Amino acid sequence: MPDPNLDSAYALDGDDDIRRLYADWAETYDSGFAVDMDFDLPQKMAGAFANAGGGGPVLDFGCGTGLLGAQLAARGIGPIDGVDLSAEMLGVAARKGAYRDLIEGNLLDGLSLPEGRWAGITSSGTFTLGHVGPEALDALLPLAAPGALFALSINRAHFEAAGFAAKFDGIADRITGLELPEMRYYGKNATGEHKNDTGYIALFRKV
């Protein structure tokens, strides 16, 4: 049965809404939503990052419960640092043992991280409806070392509605090799109105 929190997640409005939803959802996110919806986006993201030659140190932006970090670690990629708004989601991520450091905060609202530190920037499920828009790219690029590989999932509906195409055009002089393969977010066992949701994996390197 589809998790009703998914509809709520797509309708979030601001950081306070995000914190409230994920505080309640954290403990059942993996065992409920991820299992019931056959959520295989983290596996696809980790595979794309690895196949494109990605390596650590990696910053996992919007890491949530650490599903992507666990998949990266299983492929021998690390060290991995995670950042997320939700303390409760980070608490679940910590149990997976995949992360070197977990940081609570919002990059778009004053959270300061070291520039040029990471050789890879990943994000699974954060660039989506009700969450983070293309402006986050301006905050993430300074954190990456020259040549760093980015692998970011972007919900297709959000990509079109929020102006990601224009943003990528606007940062074209700061990145290279942009690819946007499309993929399904969920496996064959998914149910409900979102079972066929798709998105892009934005793969590119910082110049």
C-alpha atoms as a PDB file:
ATOM      1  CA  MET A   1       0.000   0.000   0.000  1.00  0.00           C
ATOM      2  CA  PRO A   2       1.471   3.403  -0.966  1.00  0.00           C
ATOM      3  CA  ASP A   3       2.709   5.511   1.930  1.00  0.00           C
ATOM      4  CA  PRO A   4       0.485   8.631   2.306  1.00  0.00           C
ATOM      5  CA  ASN A   5       3.597  10.565   3.355  1.00  0.00           C
ATOM      6  CA  LEU A   6       4.699  10.601  -0.290  1.00  0.00           C
ATOM      7  CA  ASP A   7       1.808  12.864  -1.267  1.00  0.00           C
ATOM      8  CA  SER A   8       2.608  15.069   1.724  1.00  0.00           C
ATOM      9  CA  ALA A   9       6.265  15.237   0.687  1.00  0.00           C
ATOM     10  CA  TYR A  10       5.370  16.535  -2.767  1.00  0.00           C
ATOM     11  CA  ALA A  11       3.249  19.302  -1.197  1.00  0.00           C
ATOM     12  CA  LEU A  12       5.734  20.636   1.354  1.00  0.00           C
ATOM     13  CA  ASP A  13       6.158  24.381   1.750  1.00  0.00           C
ATOM     14  CA  GLY A  14       9.305  25.467   3.564  1.00  0.00           C
ATOM     15  CA  ASP A  15      11.829  24.070   6.011  1.00  0.00           C
ATOM     16  CA  ASP A  16       9.439  23.787   8.942  1.00  0.00           C
ATOM     17  CA  ASP A  17       7.075  21.586   6.937  1.00  0.00           C
ATOM     18  CA  ILE A  18      10.012  19.435   5.825  1.00  0.00           C
ATOM     19  CA  ARG A  19      11.282  18.966   9.376  1.00  0.00           C
ATOM     20  CA  ARG A  20       7.838  18.027  10.700  1.00  0.00           C
ATOM     21  CA  LEU A  21       7.120  15.476   7.996  1.00  0.00           C
ATOM     22  CA  TYR A  22      10.482  13.743   8.150  1.00  0.00           C
ATOM     23  CA  ALA A  23      10.568  13.712  11.950  1.00  0.00           C
ATOM     24  CA  ASP A  24       7.421  11.590  11.814  1.00  0.00           C
ATOM     25  CA  TRP A  25       8.491   9.547   8.775  1.00  0.00           C
ATOM     26  CA  ALA A  26      12.112   8.754   9.657  1.00  0.00           C
ATOM     27  CA  GLU A  27      11.630   5.466  11.512  1.00  0.00           C
ATOM     28  CA  THR A  28       9.344   3.938   8.863  1.00  0.00           C
ATOM     29  CA  TYR A  29      10.897   5.463   5.733  1.00  0.00           C
ATOM     30  CA  ASP A  30      13.120   2.472   4.932  1.00  0.00           C
ATOM     31  CA  SER A  31      10.955  -0.385   6.164  1.00  0.00           C
ATOM     32  CA  GLY A  32       7.674   1.121   4.967  1.00  0.00           C
ATOM     33  CA  PHE A  33       7.945   3.499   2.038  1.00  0.00           C
ATOM     34  CA  ALA A  34      11.178   2.213   0.465  1.00  0.00           C
ATOM     35  CA  VAL A  35      10.110  -1.431   0.673  1.00  0.00           C
ATOM     36  CA  ASP A  36       6.426  -0.989  -0.197  1.00  0.00           C
ATOM     37  CA  MET A  37       7.159   1.270  -3.185  1.00  0.00           C
ATOM     38  CA  ASP A  38      10.125  -0.803  -4.386  1.00  0.00           C
ATOM     39  CA  PHE A  39      12.151   2.420  -4.226  1.00  0.00           C
ATOM     40  CA  ASP A  40      15.263   1.550  -6.211  1.00  0.00           C
ATOM     41  CA  LEU A  41      16.390   5.086  -7.045  1.00  0.00           C
ATOM     42  CA  PRO A  42      19.346   4.955  -4.590  1.00  0.00           C
ATOM     43  CA  GLN A  43      20.711   1.811  -6.267  1.00  0.00           C
ATOM     44  CA  LYS A  44      20.390   3.413  -9.701  1.00  0.00           C
ATOM     45  CA  MET A  45      22.053   6.602  -8.475  1.00  0.00           C
ATOM     46  CA  ALA A  46      24.985   4.775  -6.899  1.00  0.00           C
ATOM     47  CA  GLY A  47      25.446   2.690 -10.029  1.00  0.00           C
ATOM     48  CA  ALA A  48      25.433   5.765 -12.258  1.00  0.00           C
ATOM     49  CA  PHE A  49      27.963   7.534 -10.032  1.00  0.00           C
ATOM     50  CA  ALA A  50      30.273   4.518  -9.930  1.00  0.00           C
ATOM     51  CA  ASN A  51      29.982   3.807 -13.657  1.00  0.00           C
ATOM     52  CA  ALA A  52      30.864   7.417 -14.449  1.00  0.00           C
ATOM     53  CA  GLY A  53      34.101   7.076 -12.476  1.00  0.00           C
ATOM     54  CA  GLY A  54      32.965   8.749  -9.265  1.00  0.00           C
ATOM     55  CA  GLY A  55      35.000   8.479  -6.090  1.00  0.00           C
ATOM     56  CA  GLY A  56      35.397   9.969  -2.651  1.00  0.00           C
ATOM     57  CA  PRO A  57      35.316  12.001  -0.671  1.00  0.00           C
ATOM     58  CA  VAL A  58      31.613  12.379  -1.458  1.00  0.00           C
ATOM     59  CA  LEU A  59      29.032  14.826  -0.126  1.00  0.00           C
ATOM     60  CA  ASP A  60      25.555  13.266  -0.124  1.00  0.00           C
ATOM     61  CA  PHE A  61      23.191  16.235  -0.250  1.00  0.00           C
ATOM     62  CA  GLY A  62      19.793  15.613   1.342  1.00  0.00           C
ATOM     63  CA  CYS A  63      21.022  12.213   2.481  1.00  0.00           C
ATOM     64  CA  GLY A  64      17.892  11.360   4.467  1.00  0.00           C
ATOM     65  CA  THR A  65      18.096   7.914   6.039  1.00  0.00           C
ATOM     66  CA  GLY A  66      21.271   7.108   4.132  1.00  0.00           C
ATOM     67  CA  LEU A  67      19.913   4.806   1.437  1.00  0.00           C
ATOM     68  CA  LEU A  68      22.225   6.278  -1.201  1.00  0.00           C
ATOM     69  CA  GLY A  69      25.214   6.412   1.124  1.00  0.00           C
ATOM     70  CA  ALA A  70      24.799   2.718   1.924  1.00  0.00           C
ATOM     71  CA  GLN A  71      24.727   1.896  -1.778  1.00  0.00           C
ATOM     72  CA  LEU A  72      27.846   3.965  -2.446  1.00  0.00           C
ATOM     73  CA  ALA A  73      29.682   2.351   0.457  1.00  0.00           C
ATOM     74  CA  ALA A  74      28.706  -1.105  -0.799  1.00  0.00           C
ATOM     75  CA  ARG A  75      30.521  -0.212  -4.025  1.00  0.00           C
ATOM     76  CA  GLY A  76      33.673   0.734  -2.122  1.00  0.00           C
ATOM     77  CA  ILE A  77      33.167   4.473  -2.548  1.00  0.00           C
ATOM     78  CA  GLY A  78      34.118   6.739   0.345  1.00  0.00           C
ATOM     79  CA  PRO A  79      34.565   8.503   2.604  1.00  0.00           C
ATOM     80  CA  ILE A  80      31.005   9.834   2.488  1.00  0.00           C
ATOM     81  CA  ASP A  81      29.629  12.843   4.336  1.00  0.00           C
ATOM     82  CA  GLY A  82      25.909  13.539   4.524  1.00  0.00           C
ATOM     83  CA  VAL A  83      23.896  16.694   5.014  1.00  0.00           C
ATOM     84  CA  ASP A  84      20.154  16.939   5.677  1.00  0.00           C
ATOM     85  CA  LEU A  85      17.570  19.171   7.345  1.00  0.00           C
ATOM     86  CA  SER A  86      16.101  16.394   9.469  1.00  0.00           C
ATOM     87  CA  ALA A  87      17.852  15.311  12.649  1.00  0.00           C
ATOM     88  CA  GLU A  88      15.600  12.256  12.831  1.00  0.00           C
ATOM     89  CA  MET A  89      16.500  11.106   9.304  1.00  0.00           C
ATOM     90  CA  LEU A  90      20.186  11.638  10.076  1.00  0.00           C
ATOM     91  CA  GLY A  91      19.786   9.495  13.166  1.00  0.00           C
ATOM     92  CA  VAL A  92      18.600   6.612  10.998  1.00  0.00           C
ATOM     93  CA  ALA A  93      21.424   7.234   8.506  1.00  0.00           C
ATOM     94  CA  ALA A  94      24.005   7.037  11.296  1.00  0.00           C
ATOM     95  CA  ARG A  95      22.960   3.464  12.086  1.00  0.00           C
ATOM     96  CA  LYS A  96      23.975   2.327   8.605  1.00  0.00           C
ATOM     97  CA  GLY A  97      27.638   3.041   9.310  1.00  0.00           C
ATOM     98  CA  ALA A  98      28.231   4.352   5.798  1.00  0.00           C
ATOM     99  CA  TYR A  99      29.030   7.976   6.652  1.00  0.00           C
ATOM    100  CA  ARG A 100      32.155   9.657   7.977  1.00  0.00           C
ATOM    101  CA  ASP A 101      30.244  12.740   9.090  1.00  0.00           C
ATOM    102  CA  LEU A 102      26.565  13.711   9.207  1.00  0.00           C
ATOM    103  CA  ILE A 103      25.637  17.386   9.226  1.00  0.00           C
ATOM    104  CA  GLU A 104      22.255  18.875  10.083  1.00  0.00           C
ATOM    105  CA  GLY A 105      21.306  22.074   8.302  1.00  0.00           C
ATOM    106  CA  ASN A 106      20.256  23.886   5.144  1.00  0.00           C
ATOM    107  CA  LEU A 107      22.872  24.928   2.586  1.00  0.00           C
ATOM    108  CA  LEU A 108      20.458  27.529   1.264  1.00  0.00           C
ATOM    109  CA  ASP A 109      19.958  29.151   4.654  1.00  0.00           C
ATOM    110  CA  GLY A 110      23.365  29.878   6.097  1.00  0.00           C
ATOM    111  CA  LEU A 111      24.938  26.444   6.624  1.00  0.00           C
ATOM    112  CA  SER A 112      28.630  26.841   5.844  1.00  0.00           C
ATOM    113  CA  LEU A 113      30.711  23.911   4.578  1.00  0.00           C
ATOM    114  CA  PRO A 114      34.338  23.829   3.385  1.00  0.00           C
ATOM    115  CA  GLU A 115      34.786  24.838  -0.240  1.00  0.00           C
ATOM    116  CA  GLY A 116      36.566  22.546  -2.683  1.00  0.00           C
ATOM    117  CA  ARG A 117      36.542  19.604  -0.270  1.00  0.00           C
ATOM    118  CA  TRP A 118      34.591  16.913  -2.128  1.00  0.00           C
ATOM    119  CA  ALA A 119      35.470  14.909  -5.256  1.00  0.00           C
ATOM    120  CA  GLY A 120      31.861  13.848  -5.660  1.00  0.00           C
ATOM    121  CA  ILE A 121      28.456  15.386  -4.952  1.00  0.00           C
ATOM    122  CA  THR A 122      25.423  13.114  -4.923  1.00  0.00           C
ATOM    123  CA  SER A 123      21.748  13.590  -4.184  1.00  0.00           C
ATOM    124  CA  SER A 124      18.870  11.121  -4.402  1.00  0.00           C
ATOM    125  CA  GLY A 125      15.276  12.297  -4.079  1.00  0.00           C
ATOM    126  CA  THR A 126      16.037  15.826  -2.872  1.00  0.00           C
ATOM    127  CA  PHE A 127      15.523  17.727  -6.124  1.00  0.00           C
ATOM    128  CA  THR A 128      11.804  17.047  -6.247  1.00  0.00           C
ATOM    129  CA  LEU A 129       8.402  18.669  -5.801  1.00  0.00           C
ATOM    130  CA  GLY A 130       8.101  20.461  -2.471  1.00  0.00           C
ATOM    131  CA  HIS A 131      11.817  20.269  -1.797  1.00  0.00           C
ATOM    132  CA  VAL A 132      14.908  21.804  -3.426  1.00  0.00           C
ATOM    133  CA  GLY A 133      15.022  23.782  -6.657  1.00  0.00           C
ATOM    134  CA  PRO A 134      17.797  24.613  -9.134  1.00  0.00           C
ATOM    135  CA  GLU A 135      19.182  27.402  -6.948  1.00  0.00           C
ATOM    136  CA  ALA A 136      20.902  24.724  -4.867  1.00  0.00           C
ATOM    137  CA  LEU A 137      23.355  24.133  -7.702  1.00  0.00           C
ATOM    138  CA  ASP A 138      24.931  27.507  -6.945  1.00  0.00           C
ATOM    139  CA  ALA A 139      25.452  26.427  -3.329  1.00  0.00           C
ATOM    140  CA  LEU A 140      26.828  22.984  -4.215  1.00  0.00           C
ATOM    141  CA  LEU A 141      29.331  23.930  -6.918  1.00  0.00           C
ATOM    142  CA  PRO A 142      31.750  25.786  -4.594  1.00  0.00           C
ATOM    143  CA  LEU A 143      31.905  22.746  -2.305  1.00  0.00           C
ATOM    144  CA  ALA A 144      33.228  20.534  -5.093  1.00  0.00           C
ATOM    145  CA  ALA A 145      36.867  20.210  -6.070  1.00  0.00           C
ATOM    146  CA  PRO A 146      37.816  20.910  -9.692  1.00  0.00           C
ATOM    147  CA  GLY A 147      36.864  17.882 -11.759  1.00  0.00           C
ATOM    148  CA  ALA A 148      34.405  16.609  -9.137  1.00  0.00           C
ATOM    149  CA  LEU A 149      31.599  14.386 -10.418  1.00  0.00           C
ATOM    150  CA  PHE A 150      27.989  15.292  -9.677  1.00  0.00           C
ATOM    151  CA  ALA A 151      25.149  12.758  -9.743  1.00  0.00           C
ATOM    152  CA  LEU A 152      21.817  14.341  -8.845  1.00  0.00           C
ATOM    153  CA  SER A 153      18.351  12.862  -9.299  1.00  0.00           C
ATOM    154  CA  ILE A 154      15.799  15.437 -10.464  1.00  0.00           C
ATOM    155  CA  ASN A 155      12.098  14.606 -10.585  1.00  0.00           C
ATOM    156  CA  ARG A 156      10.898  15.076 -14.168  1.00  0.00           C
ATOM    157  CA  ALA A 157       7.865  17.205 -13.264  1.00  0.00           C
ATOM    158  CA  HIS A 158      10.053  19.357 -10.998  1.00  0.00           C
ATOM    159  CA  PHE A 159      12.717  19.701 -13.697  1.00  0.00           C
ATOM    160  CA  GLU A 160      10.197  21.182 -16.079  1.00  0.00           C
ATOM    161  CA  ALA A 161       8.265  23.318 -13.591  1.00  0.00           C
ATOM    162  CA  ALA A 162      11.208  24.745 -11.637  1.00  0.00           C
ATOM    163  CA  GLY A 163      13.428  25.785 -14.537  1.00  0.00           C
ATOM    164  CA  PHE A 164      16.345  23.368 -14.292  1.00  0.00           C
ATOM    165  CA  ALA A 165      17.071  23.566 -18.021  1.00  0.00           C
ATOM    166  CA  ALA A 166      17.621  27.318 -17.770  1.00  0.00           C
ATOM    167  CA  LYS A 167      19.807  26.863 -14.686  1.00  0.00           C
ATOM    168  CA  PHE A 168      22.032  24.337 -16.437  1.00  0.00           C
ATOM    169  CA  ASP A 169      22.370  26.776 -19.335  1.00  0.00           C
ATOM    170  CA  GLY A 170      23.325  29.460 -16.833  1.00  0.00           C
ATOM    171  CA  ILE A 171      26.132  27.416 -15.272  1.00  0.00           C
ATOM    172  CA  ALA A 172      27.395  25.945 -18.550  1.00  0.00           C
ATOM    173  CA  ASP A 173      30.763  27.684 -18.128  1.00  0.00           C
ATOM    174  CA  ARG A 174      31.245  26.053 -14.706  1.00  0.00           C
ATOM    175  CA  ILE A 175      30.437  22.439 -15.612  1.00  0.00           C
ATOM    176  CA  THR A 176      31.246  19.978 -18.377  1.00  0.00           C
ATOM    177  CA  GLY A 177      29.893  16.744 -19.835  1.00  0.00           C
ATOM    178  CA  LEU A 178      26.276  17.183 -18.731  1.00  0.00           C
ATOM    179  CA  GLU A 179      24.146  14.081 -19.313  1.00  0.00           C
ATOM    180  CA  LEU A 180      20.493  13.671 -18.315  1.00  0.00           C
ATOM    181  CA  PRO A 181      19.472  10.018 -18.627  1.00  0.00           C
ATOM    182  CA  GLU A 182      15.873   9.423 -17.577  1.00  0.00           C
ATOM    183  CA  MET A 183      14.897   6.593 -15.246  1.00  0.00           C
ATOM    184  CA  ARG A 184      11.992   5.295 -13.179  1.00  0.00           C
ATOM    185  CA  TYR A 185      12.057   5.988  -9.463  1.00  0.00           C
ATOM    186  CA  TYR A 186      10.363   2.749  -8.455  1.00  0.00           C
ATOM    187  CA  GLY A 187      10.587  -0.928  -9.362  1.00  0.00           C
ATOM    188  CA  LYS A 188       7.941  -3.280 -10.720  1.00  0.00           C
ATOM    189  CA  ASN A 189       6.321  -3.845  -7.322  1.00  0.00           C
ATOM    190  CA  ALA A 190       5.383  -0.188  -6.814  1.00  0.00           C
ATOM    191  CA  THR A 191       1.699   0.732  -6.524  1.00  0.00           C
ATOM    192  CA  GLY A 192      -0.374   3.903  -6.440  1.00  0.00           C
ATOM    193  CA  GLU A 193      -0.477   7.046  -8.500  1.00  0.00           C
ATOM    194  CA  HIS A 194       3.243   7.698  -8.235  1.00  0.00           C
ATOM    195  CA  LYS A 195       4.414   4.227  -9.284  1.00  0.00           C
ATOM    196  CA  ASN A 196       5.430   5.436 -12.745  1.00  0.00           C
ATOM    197  CA  ASP A 197       7.201   8.608 -11.614  1.00  0.00           C
ATOM    198  CA  THR A 198      10.405   9.293 -13.493  1.00  0.00           C
ATOM    199  CA  GLY A 199      13.307  11.669 -13.211  1.00  0.00           C
ATOM    200  CA  TYR A 200      16.708  12.482 -14.605  1.00  0.00           C
ATOM    201  CA  ILE A 201      20.115  11.636 -13.271  1.00  0.00           C
ATOM    202  CA  ALA A 202      22.076  14.820 -13.878  1.00  0.00           C
ATOM    203  CA  LEU A 203      25.674  13.706 -14.393  1.00  0.00           C
ATOM    204  CA  PHE A 204      28.356  16.340 -14.905  1.00  0.00           C
ATOM    205  CA  ARG A 205      31.741  17.477 -13.683  1.00  0.00           C
ATOM    206  CA  LYS A 206      32.830  20.775 -12.238  1.00  0.00           C
ATOM    207  CA  VAL A 207      35.302  22.596 -14.467  1.00  0.00           C
END
